[in-house]
Amino acid sequence: MGFWTLIKGLLLFANALAILNEDRFLAPRGWTLVELHQTGRKNSPKGQIIGLIHACQYMRLPLMLINTAVIVLKLVSG
């Protein structure tokens, strides 16, 4: 596995986290920031994953730009 493959895999993972719908998917399972703040367990593994999901959702515009750059690079380089 090369570095480029690793980068593309991480980009796909970030895209998957960015499209998760909080109301339809995360809230029924208790994976929202509101419930995290109520319990006060921000440093737990679950809290860290919730923070990662919300960070990816917050960075949607940069993700779109990075996706566009990767697509253009793949079209140019083959």
PDB file of N, CA and C in Angstrom:
ATOM      1  N   MET A   1       0.851  -1.169   0.000  1.00  0.00           N
ATOM      2  CA  MET A   1       0.000   0.000   0.000  1.00  0.00           C
ATOM      3  C   MET A   1       0.898   1.233   0.000  1.00  0.00           C
ATOM      4  N   GLY A   2       0.674   2.085  -0.948  1.00  0.00           N
ATOM      5  CA  GLY A   2       1.475   3.287  -1.053  1.00  0.00           C
ATOM      6  C   GLY A   2       0.868   4.458  -0.304  1.00  0.00           C
ATOM      7  N   PHE A   3       1.620   5.524  -0.260  1.00  0.00           N
ATOM      8  CA  PHE A   3       1.182   6.739   0.425  1.00  0.00           C
ATOM      9  C   PHE A   3      -0.069   7.316  -0.235  1.00  0.00           C
ATOM     10  N   TRP A   4      -0.106   7.312  -1.569  1.00  0.00           N
ATOM     11  CA  TRP A   4      -1.247   7.860  -2.302  1.00  0.00           C
ATOM     12  C   TRP A   4      -2.522   7.069  -1.989  1.00  0.00           C
ATOM     13  N   THR A   5      -2.409   5.753  -1.889  1.00  0.00           N
ATOM     14  CA  THR A   5      -3.550   4.911  -1.556  1.00  0.00           C
ATOM     15  C   THR A   5      -4.044   5.205  -0.144  1.00  0.00           C
ATOM     16  N   LEU A   6      -3.128   5.428   0.777  1.00  0.00           N
ATOM     17  CA  LEU A   6      -3.489   5.776   2.143  1.00  0.00           C
ATOM     18  C   LEU A   6      -4.232   7.114   2.185  1.00  0.00           C
ATOM     19  N   ILE A   7      -3.747   8.091   1.450  1.00  0.00           N
ATOM     20  CA  ILE A   7      -4.396   9.409   1.408  1.00  0.00           C
ATOM     21  C   ILE A   7      -5.809   9.288   0.833  1.00  0.00           C
ATOM     22  N   LYS A   8      -5.960   8.528  -0.244  1.00  0.00           N
ATOM     23  CA  LYS A   8      -7.294   8.360  -0.828  1.00  0.00           C
ATOM     24  C   LYS A   8      -8.235   7.634   0.130  1.00  0.00           C
ATOM     25  N   GLY A   9      -7.725   6.665   0.860  1.00  0.00           N
ATOM     26  CA  GLY A   9      -8.550   5.959   1.838  1.00  0.00           C
ATOM     27  C   GLY A   9      -9.010   6.865   2.968  1.00  0.00           C
ATOM     28  N   LEU A  10      -8.108   7.705   3.467  1.00  0.00           N
ATOM     29  CA  LEU A  10      -8.478   8.659   4.510  1.00  0.00           C
ATOM     30  C   LEU A  10      -9.482   9.684   4.006  1.00  0.00           C
ATOM     31  N   LEU A  11      -9.338  10.086   2.750  1.00  0.00           N
ATOM     32  CA  LEU A  11     -10.290  11.022   2.157  1.00  0.00           C
ATOM     33  C   LEU A  11     -11.677  10.382   2.032  1.00  0.00           C
ATOM     34  N   LEU A  12     -11.726   9.141   1.624  1.00  0.00           N
ATOM     35  CA  LEU A  12     -13.007   8.441   1.548  1.00  0.00           C
ATOM     36  C   LEU A  12     -13.641   8.287   2.930  1.00  0.00           C
ATOM     37  N   PHE A  13     -12.825   7.999   3.943  1.00  0.00           N
ATOM     38  CA  PHE A  13     -13.327   7.876   5.307  1.00  0.00           C
ATOM     39  C   PHE A  13     -13.877   9.211   5.808  1.00  0.00           C
ATOM     40  N   ALA A  14     -13.175  10.308   5.534  1.00  0.00           N
ATOM     41  CA  ALA A  14     -13.651  11.635   5.939  1.00  0.00           C
ATOM     42  C   ALA A  14     -14.954  11.982   5.220  1.00  0.00           C
ATOM     43  N   ASN A  15     -15.066  11.600   3.943  1.00  0.00           N
ATOM     44  CA  ASN A  15     -16.313  11.839   3.214  1.00  0.00           C
ATOM     45  C   ASN A  15     -17.469  11.058   3.832  1.00  0.00           C
ATOM     46  N   ALA A  16     -17.198   9.825   4.232  1.00  0.00           N
ATOM     47  CA  ALA A  16     -18.241   8.997   4.842  1.00  0.00           C
ATOM     48  C   ALA A  16     -18.730   9.612   6.154  1.00  0.00           C
ATOM     49  N   LEU A  17     -17.818  10.143   6.949  1.00  0.00           N
ATOM     50  CA  LEU A  17     -18.221  10.776   8.207  1.00  0.00           C
ATOM     51  C   LEU A  17     -18.947  12.091   7.975  1.00  0.00           C
ATOM     52  N   ALA A  18     -18.580  12.793   6.915  1.00  0.00           N
ATOM     53  CA  ALA A  18     -19.168  14.109   6.654  1.00  0.00           C
ATOM     54  C   ALA A  18     -20.621  14.022   6.210  1.00  0.00           C
ATOM     55  N   ILE A  19     -21.029  12.903   5.634  1.00  0.00           N
ATOM     56  CA  ILE A  19     -22.397  12.828   5.120  1.00  0.00           C
ATOM     57  C   ILE A  19     -23.373  12.200   6.109  1.00  0.00           C
ATOM     58  N   LEU A  20     -22.896  11.792   7.295  1.00  0.00           N
ATOM     59  CA  LEU A  20     -23.806  11.211   8.275  1.00  0.00           C
ATOM     60  C   LEU A  20     -24.817  12.260   8.738  1.00  0.00           C
ATOM     61  N   ASN A  21     -26.086  11.920   8.713  1.00  0.00           N
ATOM     62  CA  ASN A  21     -27.145  12.819   9.121  1.00  0.00           C
ATOM     63  C   ASN A  21     -27.358  12.684  10.628  1.00  0.00           C
ATOM     64  N   GLU A  22     -27.261  13.800  11.327  1.00  0.00           N
ATOM     65  CA  GLU A  22     -27.372  13.755  12.784  1.00  0.00           C
ATOM     66  C   GLU A  22     -28.775  13.347  13.238  1.00  0.00           C
ATOM     67  N   ASP A  23     -29.805  13.868  12.599  1.00  0.00           N
ATOM     68  CA  ASP A  23     -31.169  13.575  13.026  1.00  0.00           C
ATOM     69  C   ASP A  23     -31.587  12.145  12.718  1.00  0.00           C
ATOM     70  N   ARG A  24     -31.185  11.630  11.585  1.00  0.00           N
ATOM     71  CA  ARG A  24     -31.652  10.314  11.154  1.00  0.00           C
ATOM     72  C   ARG A  24     -30.757   9.170  11.603  1.00  0.00           C
ATOM     73  N   PHE A  25     -29.479   9.422  11.766  1.00  0.00           N
ATOM     74  CA  PHE A  25     -28.561   8.331  12.074  1.00  0.00           C
ATOM     75  C   PHE A  25     -27.933   8.442  13.464  1.00  0.00           C
ATOM     76  N   LEU A  26     -27.436   9.605  13.798  1.00  0.00           N
ATOM     77  CA  LEU A  26     -26.663   9.740  15.031  1.00  0.00           C
ATOM     78  C   LEU A  26     -27.537   9.897  16.276  1.00  0.00           C
ATOM     79  N   ALA A  27     -28.595  10.679  16.211  1.00  0.00           N
ATOM     80  CA  ALA A  27     -29.430  10.946  17.390  1.00  0.00           C
ATOM     81  C   ALA A  27     -30.102   9.695  17.952  1.00  0.00           C
ATOM     82  N   PRO A  28     -30.676   8.806  17.134  1.00  0.00           N
ATOM     83  CA  PRO A  28     -31.284   7.603  17.726  1.00  0.00           C
ATOM     84  C   PRO A  28     -30.285   6.704  18.456  1.00  0.00           C
ATOM     85  N   ARG A  29     -29.022   6.821  18.135  1.00  0.00           N
ATOM     86  CA  ARG A  29     -28.002   5.991  18.774  1.00  0.00           C
ATOM     87  C   ARG A  29     -27.300   6.713  19.927  1.00  0.00           C
ATOM     88  N   GLY A  30     -27.676   7.977  20.163  1.00  0.00           N
ATOM     89  CA  GLY A  30     -27.072   8.738  21.251  1.00  0.00           C
ATOM     90  C   GLY A  30     -25.698   9.282  20.930  1.00  0.00           C
ATOM     91  N   TRP A  31     -25.419   9.561  19.669  1.00  0.00           N
ATOM     92  CA  TRP A  31     -24.098  10.036  19.247  1.00  0.00           C
ATOM     93  C   TRP A  31     -24.148  11.507  18.838  1.00  0.00           C
ATOM     94  N   THR A  32     -24.753  12.364  19.645  1.00  0.00           N
ATOM     95  CA  THR A  32     -24.808  13.788  19.344  1.00  0.00           C
ATOM     96  C   THR A  32     -23.963  14.563  20.343  1.00  0.00           C
ATOM     97  N   LEU A  33     -23.608  15.778  19.982  1.00  0.00           N
ATOM     98  CA  LEU A  33     -22.828  16.624  20.887  1.00  0.00           C
ATOM     99  C   LEU A  33     -23.638  17.018  22.113  1.00  0.00           C
ATOM    100  N   VAL A  34     -24.958  17.163  21.944  1.00  0.00           N
ATOM    101  CA  VAL A  34     -25.809  17.543  23.066  1.00  0.00           C
ATOM    102  C   VAL A  34     -25.758  16.469  24.151  1.00  0.00           C
ATOM    103  N   GLU A  35     -25.910  15.223  23.763  1.00  0.00           N
ATOM    104  CA  GLU A  35     -25.859  14.137  24.743  1.00  0.00           C
ATOM    105  C   GLU A  35     -24.457  13.978  25.318  1.00  0.00           C
ATOM    106  N   LEU A  36     -23.459  14.271  24.525  1.00  0.00           N
ATOM    107  CA  LEU A  36     -22.085  14.187  25.011  1.00  0.00           C
ATOM    108  C   LEU A  36     -21.836  15.236  26.085  1.00  0.00           C
ATOM    109  N   HIS A  37     -22.358  16.454  25.893  1.00  0.00           N
ATOM    110  CA  HIS A  37     -22.177  17.510  26.884  1.00  0.00           C
ATOM    111  C   HIS A  37     -22.996  17.240  28.140  1.00  0.00           C
ATOM    112  N   GLN A  38     -24.135  16.577  27.990  1.00  0.00           N
ATOM    113  CA  GLN A  38     -24.956  16.255  29.158  1.00  0.00           C
ATOM    114  C   GLN A  38     -24.275  15.219  30.051  1.00  0.00           C
ATOM    115  N   THR A  39     -23.634  14.237  29.437  1.00  0.00           N
ATOM    116  CA  THR A  39     -22.969  13.204  30.232  1.00  0.00           C
ATOM    117  C   THR A  39     -21.607  13.662  30.724  1.00  0.00           C
ATOM    118  N   GLY A  40     -20.975  14.590  30.023  1.00  0.00           N
ATOM    119  CA  GLY A  40     -19.684  15.113  30.442  1.00  0.00           C
ATOM    120  C   GLY A  40     -18.510  14.186  30.175  1.00  0.00           C
ATOM    121  N   ARG A  41     -18.673  13.231  29.279  1.00  0.00           N
ATOM    122  CA  ARG A  41     -17.598  12.266  28.987  1.00  0.00           C
ATOM    123  C   ARG A  41     -16.954  12.599  27.640  1.00  0.00           C
ATOM    124  N   LYS A  42     -16.316  13.754  27.574  1.00  0.00           N
ATOM    125  CA  LYS A  42     -15.746  14.221  26.313  1.00  0.00           C
ATOM    126  C   LYS A  42     -14.454  13.499  25.941  1.00  0.00           C
ATOM    127  N   ASN A  43     -13.738  12.971  26.915  1.00  0.00           N
ATOM    128  CA  ASN A  43     -12.457  12.328  26.629  1.00  0.00           C
ATOM    129  C   ASN A  43     -12.561  10.820  26.470  1.00  0.00           C
ATOM    130  N   SER A  44     -13.769  10.293  26.534  1.00  0.00           N
ATOM    131  CA  SER A  44     -13.952   8.859  26.334  1.00  0.00           C
ATOM    132  C   SER A  44     -13.787   8.536  24.845  1.00  0.00           C
ATOM    133  N   PRO A  45     -13.579   7.277  24.503  1.00  0.00           N
ATOM    134  CA  PRO A  45     -13.477   6.925  23.072  1.00  0.00           C
ATOM    135  C   PRO A  45     -14.718   7.328  22.275  1.00  0.00           C
ATOM    136  N   LYS A  46     -15.897   7.152  22.872  1.00  0.00           N
ATOM    137  CA  LYS A  46     -17.127   7.562  22.190  1.00  0.00           C
ATOM    138  C   LYS A  46     -17.138   9.076  21.969  1.00  0.00           C
ATOM    139  N   GLY A  47     -16.703   9.829  22.963  1.00  0.00           N
ATOM    140  CA  GLY A  47     -16.641  11.282  22.829  1.00  0.00           C
ATOM    141  C   GLY A  47     -15.661  11.723  21.761  1.00  0.00           C
ATOM    142  N   GLN A  48     -14.540  11.026  21.655  1.00  0.00           N
ATOM    143  CA  GLN A  48     -13.555  11.354  20.634  1.00  0.00           C
ATOM    144  C   GLN A  48     -14.096  11.066  19.236  1.00  0.00           C
ATOM    145  N   ILE A  49     -14.835   9.967  19.082  1.00  0.00           N
ATOM    146  CA  ILE A  49     -15.425   9.629  17.778  1.00  0.00           C
ATOM    147  C   ILE A  49     -16.495  10.643  17.404  1.00  0.00           C
ATOM    148  N   ILE A  50     -17.320  11.046  18.384  1.00  0.00           N
ATOM    149  CA  ILE A  50     -18.343  12.057  18.115  1.00  0.00           C
ATOM    150  C   ILE A  50     -17.684  13.365  17.691  1.00  0.00           C
ATOM    151  N   GLY A  51     -16.596  13.737  18.342  1.00  0.00           N
ATOM    152  CA  GLY A  51     -15.865  14.946  17.963  1.00  0.00           C
ATOM    153  C   GLY A  51     -15.302  14.850  16.554  1.00  0.00           C
ATOM    154  N   LEU A  52     -14.785  13.679  16.187  1.00  0.00           N
ATOM    155  CA  LEU A  52     -14.264  13.469  14.836  1.00  0.00           C
ATOM    156  C   LEU A  52     -15.369  13.582  13.791  1.00  0.00           C
ATOM    157  N   ILE A  53     -16.528  13.009  14.075  1.00  0.00           N
ATOM    158  CA  ILE A  53     -17.661  13.091  13.145  1.00  0.00           C
ATOM    159  C   ILE A  53     -18.075  14.535  12.941  1.00  0.00           C
ATOM    160  N   HIS A  54     -18.185  15.290  14.026  1.00  0.00           N
ATOM    161  CA  HIS A  54     -18.602  16.687  13.894  1.00  0.00           C
ATOM    162  C   HIS A  54     -17.525  17.554  13.249  1.00  0.00           C
ATOM    163  N   ALA A  55     -16.269  17.224  13.441  1.00  0.00           N
ATOM    164  CA  ALA A  55     -15.203  17.962  12.765  1.00  0.00           C
ATOM    165  C   ALA A  55     -15.270  17.733  11.262  1.00  0.00           C
ATOM    166  N   CYS A  56     -15.536  16.493  10.848  1.00  0.00           N
ATOM    167  CA  CYS A  56     -15.656  16.202   9.414  1.00  0.00           C
ATOM    168  C   CYS A  56     -16.874  16.887   8.819  1.00  0.00           C
ATOM    169  N   GLN A  57     -17.967  16.943   9.589  1.00  0.00           N
ATOM    170  CA  GLN A  57     -19.161  17.614   9.088  1.00  0.00           C
ATOM    171  C   GLN A  57     -18.940  19.122   8.986  1.00  0.00           C
ATOM    172  N   TYR A  58     -18.168  19.668   9.895  1.00  0.00           N
ATOM    173  CA  TYR A  58     -17.859  21.097   9.874  1.00  0.00           C
ATOM    174  C   TYR A  58     -16.973  21.460   8.683  1.00  0.00           C
ATOM    175  N   MET A  59     -16.109  20.554   8.267  1.00  0.00           N
ATOM    176  CA  MET A  59     -15.148  20.810   7.198  1.00  0.00           C
ATOM    177  C   MET A  59     -15.637  20.310   5.834  1.00  0.00           C
ATOM    178  N   ARG A  60     -16.920  20.404   5.568  1.00  0.00           N
ATOM    179  CA  ARG A  60     -17.459  19.906   4.300  1.00  0.00           C
ATOM    180  C   ARG A  60     -16.926  20.672   3.093  1.00  0.00           C
ATOM    181  N   LEU A  61     -16.849  21.987   3.175  1.00  0.00           N
ATOM    182  CA  LEU A  61     -16.369  22.769   2.032  1.00  0.00           C
ATOM    183  C   LEU A  61     -14.916  22.441   1.690  1.00  0.00           C
ATOM    184  N   PRO A  62     -13.994  22.401   2.665  1.00  0.00           N
ATOM    185  CA  PRO A  62     -12.637  21.980   2.311  1.00  0.00           C
ATOM    186  C   PRO A  62     -12.582  20.559   1.762  1.00  0.00           C
ATOM    187  N   LEU A  63     -13.436  19.665   2.264  1.00  0.00           N
ATOM    188  CA  LEU A  63     -13.477  18.310   1.732  1.00  0.00           C
ATOM    189  C   LEU A  63     -13.895  18.310   0.264  1.00  0.00           C
ATOM    190  N   MET A  64     -14.857  19.161  -0.082  1.00  0.00           N
ATOM    191  CA  MET A  64     -15.274  19.244  -1.485  1.00  0.00           C
ATOM    192  C   MET A  64     -14.130  19.737  -2.364  1.00  0.00           C
ATOM    193  N   LEU A  65     -13.382  20.712  -1.862  1.00  0.00           N
ATOM    194  CA  LEU A  65     -12.255  21.237  -2.637  1.00  0.00           C
ATOM    195  C   LEU A  65     -11.153  20.182  -2.784  1.00  0.00           C
ATOM    196  N   ILE A  66     -10.880  19.450  -1.720  1.00  0.00           N
ATOM    197  CA  ILE A  66      -9.866  18.391  -1.796  1.00  0.00           C
ATOM    198  C   ILE A  66     -10.319  17.284  -2.738  1.00  0.00           C
ATOM    199  N   ASN A  67     -11.611  16.919  -2.684  1.00  0.00           N
ATOM    200  CA  ASN A  67     -12.143  15.908  -3.600  1.00  0.00           C
ATOM    201  C   ASN A  67     -11.989  16.349  -5.052  1.00  0.00           C
ATOM    202  N   THR A  68     -12.281  17.614  -5.317  1.00  0.00           N
ATOM    203  CA  THR A  68     -12.140  18.144  -6.676  1.00  0.00           C
ATOM    204  C   THR A  68     -10.685  18.086  -7.129  1.00  0.00           C
ATOM    205  N   ALA A  69      -9.782  18.464  -6.243  1.00  0.00           N
ATOM    206  CA  ALA A  69      -8.357  18.425  -6.589  1.00  0.00           C
ATOM    207  C   ALA A  69      -7.889  16.994  -6.864  1.00  0.00           C
ATOM    208  N   VAL A  70      -8.351  16.041  -6.074  1.00  0.00           N
ATOM    209  CA  VAL A  70      -7.961  14.642  -6.286  1.00  0.00           C
ATOM    210  C   VAL A  70      -8.522  14.126  -7.600  1.00  0.00           C
ATOM    211  N   ILE A  71      -9.768  14.474  -7.914  1.00  0.00           N
ATOM    212  CA  ILE A  71     -10.369  14.033  -9.174  1.00  0.00           C
ATOM    213  C   ILE A  71      -9.612  14.613 -10.362  1.00  0.00           C
ATOM    214  N   VAL A  72      -9.290  15.895 -10.298  1.00  0.00           N
ATOM    215  CA  VAL A  72      -8.545  16.526 -11.392  1.00  0.00           C
ATOM    216  C   VAL A  72      -7.161  15.903 -11.522  1.00  0.00           C
ATOM    217  N   LEU A  73      -6.505  15.662 -10.394  1.00  0.00           N
ATOM    218  CA  LEU A  73      -5.190  15.038 -10.434  1.00  0.00           C
ATOM    219  C   LEU A  73      -5.247  13.627 -11.032  1.00  0.00           C
ATOM    220  N   LYS A  74      -6.278  12.872 -10.681  1.00  0.00           N
ATOM    221  CA  LYS A  74      -6.415  11.522 -11.241  1.00  0.00           C
ATOM    222  C   LYS A  74      -6.736  11.587 -12.742  1.00  0.00           C
ATOM    223  N   LEU A  75      -7.500  12.570 -13.182  1.00  0.00           N
ATOM    224  CA  LEU A  75      -7.797  12.710 -14.609  1.00  0.00           C
ATOM    225  C   LEU A  75      -6.546  13.085 -15.401  1.00  0.00           C
ATOM    226  N   VAL A  76      -5.713  13.934 -14.821  1.00  0.00           N
ATOM    227  CA  VAL A  76      -4.508  14.387 -15.514  1.00  0.00           C
ATOM    228  C   VAL A  76      -3.441  13.287 -15.527  1.00  0.00           C
ATOM    229  N   SER A  77      -3.240  12.642 -14.372  1.00  0.00           N
ATOM    230  CA  SER A  77      -2.162  11.673 -14.289  1.00  0.00           C
ATOM    231  C   SER A  77      -2.549  10.282 -14.786  1.00  0.00           C
ATOM    232  N   GLY A  78      -3.820  10.022 -14.849  1.00  0.00           N
ATOM    233  CA  GLY A  78      -4.261   8.725 -15.370  1.00  0.00           C
ATOM    234  C   GLY A  78      -4.481   7.803 -14.299  1.00  0.00           C
TER     235      GLY A  78
END
